[in-house]
Protein backbone atom coordinates (compact mmCIF):
# COMPACT_ATOMS: atom_id res chain seq x y z
CA MET A 1 -3.35 -13.18 5.35
CA PHE A 2 -2.74 -9.60 4.19
CA GLU A 3 -0.06 -8.30 6.55
CA LYS A 4 1.68 -5.84 4.24
CA ILE A 5 -0.61 -3.51 2.32
CA LEU A 6 0.18 -0.87 -0.29
CA VAL A 7 -2.51 1.79 -0.67
CA ALA A 8 -2.19 3.86 -3.84
CA LEU A 9 -4.02 7.15 -3.49
CA ASP A 10 -4.63 9.89 -5.98
CA ASP A 11 -6.78 13.00 -5.95
CA SER A 12 -9.82 11.08 -7.19
CA THR A 13 -10.00 8.67 -4.24
CA PRO A 14 -12.23 10.11 -1.49
CA ALA A 15 -11.15 9.68 2.12
CA ASP A 16 -14.44 8.05 3.09
CA ALA A 17 -13.86 5.15 0.70
CA ILE A 18 -10.35 4.53 2.04
CA VAL A 19 -11.42 4.72 5.69
CA ALA A 20 -14.29 2.30 5.00
CA VAL A 21 -11.88 -0.23 3.49
CA PHE A 22 -9.51 0.04 6.45
CA GLN A 23 -12.42 -0.57 8.82
CA GLN A 24 -13.53 -3.64 6.87
CA ILE A 25 -10.02 -5.09 6.87
CA GLN A 26 -9.86 -4.46 10.63
CA LEU A 27 -6.24 -3.40 10.73
CA SER A 28 -4.25 -4.27 13.82
CA ALA A 29 -0.74 -3.61 15.09
CA ALA A 30 0.38 -6.72 13.15
CA HIS A 31 -0.32 -5.03 9.81
CA GLN A 32 2.04 -2.77 7.90
CA VAL A 33 0.70 -0.16 5.50
CA VAL A 34 2.49 1.85 2.84
CA LEU A 35 0.49 4.84 1.63
CA THR A 36 1.65 6.10 -1.75
CA HIS A 37 0.87 8.83 -4.23
CA VAL A 38 2.36 8.84 -7.72
CA ILE A 39 2.92 12.21 -9.35
CA ALA A 40 2.81 12.05 -13.13
CA PRO A 41 5.99 13.19 -14.86
CA PRO A 42 5.92 16.63 -16.49
CA PRO A 43 5.28 16.78 -20.24
CA GLN A 44 8.40 16.47 -22.40
CA ASP A 45 8.13 20.05 -23.67
CA ALA A 46 7.60 21.64 -20.24
CA ASP A 47 10.03 24.24 -18.91
CA ALA A 48 12.36 22.44 -16.46
CA THR A 49 12.30 25.17 -13.78
CA HIS A 50 8.52 25.57 -13.90
CA SER A 51 8.00 21.78 -13.89
CA ARG A 52 10.27 21.32 -10.87
CA SER A 53 8.52 23.97 -8.76
CA GLY A 54 5.11 22.54 -9.68
CA MET A 55 6.28 19.03 -8.76
CA ASP A 56 7.57 20.27 -5.39
CA ILE A 57 4.16 21.78 -4.58
CA ASP A 58 2.36 18.63 -5.75
CA SER A 59 4.76 16.49 -3.73
CA GLN A 60 4.25 18.54 -0.57
CA GLN A 61 0.46 18.45 -0.91
CA ALA A 62 0.51 14.70 -1.57
CA GLU A 63 2.73 14.10 1.47
CA GLU A 64 0.40 16.13 3.70
CA ARG A 65 -2.60 14.18 2.41
CA LEU A 66 -0.87 10.85 3.03
CA GLN A 67 0.10 11.93 6.54
CA HIS A 68 -3.56 12.75 7.21
CA TYR A 69 -4.55 9.20 6.25
CA GLN A 70 -1.58 7.80 8.14
CA ALA A 71 -2.87 9.37 11.37
CA LEU A 72 -6.06 7.29 11.00
CA LEU A 73 -4.22 3.96 10.96
CA PRO A 74 -3.90 1.73 14.03
CA CYS A 75 -0.75 0.05 12.71
CA PRO A 76 2.80 0.81 11.60
CA SER A 77 2.82 2.75 8.35
CA GLN A 78 4.91 4.89 6.08
CA THR A 79 4.35 7.18 3.14
CA GLU A 80 5.90 7.25 -0.32
CA VAL A 81 5.44 10.10 -2.79
CA VAL A 82 7.09 9.20 -6.08
CA GLN A 83 7.15 10.61 -9.59
CA GLY A 84 6.60 8.46 -12.66
CA GLU A 85 4.02 6.45 -14.52
CA PRO A 86 1.40 5.29 -11.97
CA VAL A 87 1.26 1.62 -12.96
CA THR A 88 5.03 1.23 -13.09
CA GLU A 89 5.56 2.96 -9.75
CA ILE A 90 2.77 1.09 -7.95
CA ILE A 91 4.15 -2.27 -9.12
CA ARG A 92 7.71 -1.20 -8.25
CA LEU A 93 6.71 -0.21 -4.71
CA ALA A 94 4.70 -3.42 -4.26
CA GLN A 95 7.81 -5.40 -5.13
CA ILE A 96 10.15 -3.32 -2.97
CA TYR A 97 7.93 -3.64 0.10
CA GLN A 98 6.89 -7.23 -0.76
CA VAL A 99 3.25 -6.45 -0.07
CA ASP A 100 0.46 -9.01 0.11
CA LEU A 101 -2.25 -6.61 -1.07
CA ILE A 102 -2.52 -3.48 -3.19
CA ILE A 103 -5.53 -1.22 -2.64
CA LEU A 104 -6.39 1.45 -5.20
CA GLY A 105 -9.39 3.31 -6.51
CA SER A 106 -11.12 3.10 -9.84
CA ARG A 107 -12.80 6.14 -11.34
CA GLY A 108 -15.03 3.93 -13.46
CA LEU A 109 -13.91 5.29 -16.81
CA THR A 110 -15.80 3.77 -19.70
CA GLY A 111 -15.84 3.97 -23.46
CA LEU A 112 -13.61 6.50 -25.15
CA LYS A 113 -12.25 7.99 -21.91
CA ARG A 114 -11.01 4.56 -20.81
CA ILE A 115 -9.37 3.96 -24.19
CA LEU A 116 -7.69 7.39 -24.30
CA GLN A 117 -6.72 7.73 -20.63
CA GLY A 118 -6.16 4.06 -19.87
CA SER A 119 -7.15 2.32 -16.69
CA VAL A 120 -4.50 2.26 -13.99
CA SER A 121 -6.50 -0.21 -11.91
CA SER A 122 -6.85 -2.66 -14.84
CA GLN A 123 -3.15 -2.47 -15.62
CA VAL A 124 -2.18 -2.95 -11.97
CA LEU A 125 -4.50 -5.99 -11.78
CA GLU A 126 -2.65 -7.51 -14.74
CA ALA A 127 0.89 -6.78 -13.54
CA ALA A 128 0.64 -7.05 -9.75
CA PRO A 129 2.76 -9.60 -7.90
CA CYS A 130 0.01 -9.95 -5.27
CA SER A 131 -3.72 -9.58 -4.67
CA VAL A 132 -5.38 -6.29 -5.66
CA LEU A 133 -8.46 -4.65 -4.15
CA VAL A 134 -10.03 -2.04 -6.39
CA ILE A 135 -12.36 0.43 -4.70
CA LYS A 136 -15.09 1.66 -7.01
CA VAL A 137 -15.22 5.42 -6.59
CA PRO A 138 -18.62 7.02 -7.34
């Protein structure tokens, strides 16, 4: 049913939660997984040179983290580190790869924090072209 899966990871999603989901789905060689990390764009008033070097470091660290998870998968997979607004980029990648399922974490923001910071998982649920599995992160 879910052959193509997009897994959106950020620094708040612990490895144990992701590994547990993969084990429950029982991935096989027939599955395809895209592991992605979205790097937020630099603030508008940031120095361009400083922002670029910071993004390069963030990008390299994100790629290394995704490759770590990739090594745990028993199926074909690839990684995507992109820069932009998380919801927009997750939906864009889901459409490009024509995935059947998006997996992402939820930090469980409530009240004022949720209003001010927004909920990526809620917005992805609304805009996704496919099923979405939200992992509740403690």
